[in-house]
Amino acid sequence: MSAVDNLANLTACLVALSDGARAPTLIAVTKTVHAETIAPVIAAGHRDFGENRVQEADRKWPALRARVS
């Protein structure tokens, strides 16, 4: 199953389990995940990500941000 498929499944579950007001925000954690895996998730519209190391974020996020802009 792809990362995009996982995102769609998790989002559907969160919406189904929400109280009808607003589904919780899903933070995709990208620790040790390569930019090539993250890019399709961004292309699918997800925008909330978490990274646990600033050094790793500095390496991969500038190029990923440029793809969205």
C-alpha atoms as a PDB file:
ATOM      1  CA  MET A   1       0.000   0.000   0.000  1.00  0.00           C
ATOM      2  CA  SER A   2       1.378   3.408  -0.935  1.00  0.00           C
ATOM      3  CA  ALA A   3       1.800   6.373   1.377  1.00  0.00           C
ATOM      4  CA  VAL A   4      -1.012   8.143  -0.490  1.00  0.00           C
ATOM      5  CA  ASP A   5      -3.316   5.135   0.021  1.00  0.00           C
ATOM      6  CA  ASN A   6      -2.422   5.088   3.725  1.00  0.00           C
ATOM      7  CA  LEU A   7      -3.202   8.802   3.981  1.00  0.00           C
ATOM      8  CA  ALA A   8      -6.593   8.334   2.316  1.00  0.00           C
ATOM      9  CA  ASN A   9      -7.484   5.415   4.603  1.00  0.00           C
ATOM     10  CA  LEU A  10      -6.424   7.237   7.760  1.00  0.00           C
ATOM     11  CA  THR A  11      -8.250  10.399   6.758  1.00  0.00           C
ATOM     12  CA  ALA A  12     -11.446   8.437   6.072  1.00  0.00           C
ATOM     13  CA  CYS A  13     -11.168   6.740   9.479  1.00  0.00           C
ATOM     14  CA  LEU A  14     -10.635  10.059  11.261  1.00  0.00           C
ATOM     15  CA  VAL A  15     -13.645  11.599   9.549  1.00  0.00           C
ATOM     16  CA  ALA A  16     -15.779   8.563  10.412  1.00  0.00           C
ATOM     17  CA  LEU A  17     -14.694   8.689  14.055  1.00  0.00           C
ATOM     18  CA  SER A  18     -15.025  12.454  14.458  1.00  0.00           C
ATOM     19  CA  ASP A  19     -17.952  13.884  16.390  1.00  0.00           C
ATOM     20  CA  GLY A  20     -19.349  15.554  13.291  1.00  0.00           C
ATOM     21  CA  ALA A  21     -17.752  18.901  14.052  1.00  0.00           C
ATOM     22  CA  ARG A  22     -14.287  18.627  12.620  1.00  0.00           C
ATOM     23  CA  ALA A  23     -11.955  15.693  12.138  1.00  0.00           C
ATOM     24  CA  PRO A  24      -8.636  15.901  13.989  1.00  0.00           C
ATOM     25  CA  THR A  25      -5.595  17.082  12.057  1.00  0.00           C
ATOM     26  CA  LEU A  26      -3.447  14.225  10.832  1.00  0.00           C
ATOM     27  CA  ILE A  27       0.253  15.005  11.215  1.00  0.00           C
ATOM     28  CA  ALA A  28       2.323  12.868   8.853  1.00  0.00           C
ATOM     29  CA  VAL A  29       5.622  12.117  10.594  1.00  0.00           C
ATOM     30  CA  THR A  30       8.472  12.016   8.102  1.00  0.00           C
ATOM     31  CA  LYS A  31      11.281  10.829  10.358  1.00  0.00           C
ATOM     32  CA  THR A  32      13.683   8.727   8.255  1.00  0.00           C
ATOM     33  CA  VAL A  33      11.362   8.982   5.214  1.00  0.00           C
ATOM     34  CA  HIS A  34      12.961  10.019   1.923  1.00  0.00           C
ATOM     35  CA  ALA A  35      11.697  13.032   0.005  1.00  0.00           C
ATOM     36  CA  GLU A  36      10.702  10.768  -2.905  1.00  0.00           C
ATOM     37  CA  THR A  37       8.156   9.087  -0.611  1.00  0.00           C
ATOM     38  CA  ILE A  38       6.839  12.372   0.792  1.00  0.00           C
ATOM     39  CA  ALA A  39       6.377  14.137  -2.562  1.00  0.00           C
ATOM     40  CA  PRO A  40       3.313  12.093  -3.673  1.00  0.00           C
ATOM     41  CA  VAL A  41       1.634  12.751  -0.316  1.00  0.00           C
ATOM     42  CA  ILE A  42       2.163  16.484  -0.828  1.00  0.00           C
ATOM     43  CA  ALA A  43       0.838  16.145  -4.392  1.00  0.00           C
ATOM     44  CA  ALA A  44      -2.271  14.463  -2.931  1.00  0.00           C
ATOM     45  CA  GLY A  45      -2.916  17.628  -0.910  1.00  0.00           C
ATOM     46  CA  HIS A  46      -1.573  16.827   2.555  1.00  0.00           C
ATOM     47  CA  ARG A  47       0.147  19.788   4.232  1.00  0.00           C
ATOM     48  CA  ASP A  48       0.672  18.879   7.914  1.00  0.00           C
ATOM     49  CA  PHE A  49       4.002  17.177   8.558  1.00  0.00           C
ATOM     50  CA  GLY A  50       6.240  16.576  11.543  1.00  0.00           C
ATOM     51  CA  GLU A  51       9.971  15.998  11.570  1.00  0.00           C
ATOM     52  CA  ASN A  52      11.908  15.132  14.687  1.00  0.00           C
ATOM     53  CA  ARG A  53      15.344  16.414  13.622  1.00  0.00           C
ATOM     54  CA  VAL A  54      15.985  19.912  12.359  1.00  0.00           C
ATOM     55  CA  GLN A  55      19.052  18.730  10.443  1.00  0.00           C
ATOM     56  CA  GLU A  56      16.990  16.198   8.504  1.00  0.00           C
ATOM     57  CA  ALA A  57      14.274  18.758   7.796  1.00  0.00           C
ATOM     58  CA  ASP A  58      16.887  21.230   6.555  1.00  0.00           C
ATOM     59  CA  ARG A  59      18.096  18.640   4.036  1.00  0.00           C
ATOM     60  CA  LYS A  60      14.795  17.540   2.527  1.00  0.00           C
ATOM     61  CA  TRP A  61      12.105  20.202   3.026  1.00  0.00           C
ATOM     62  CA  PRO A  62      13.428  23.118   0.932  1.00  0.00           C
ATOM     63  CA  ALA A  63      13.175  21.026  -2.248  1.00  0.00           C
ATOM     64  CA  LEU A  64       9.776  19.650  -1.226  1.00  0.00           C
ATOM     65  CA  ARG A  65       8.445  23.143  -0.528  1.00  0.00           C
ATOM     66  CA  ALA A  66       9.634  24.269  -3.962  1.00  0.00           C
ATOM     67  CA  ARG A  67       7.491  21.542  -5.570  1.00  0.00           C
ATOM     68  CA  VAL A  68       4.364  22.901  -3.879  1.00  0.00           C
ATOM     69  CA  SER A  69       4.973  26.582  -4.615  1.00  0.00           C
END
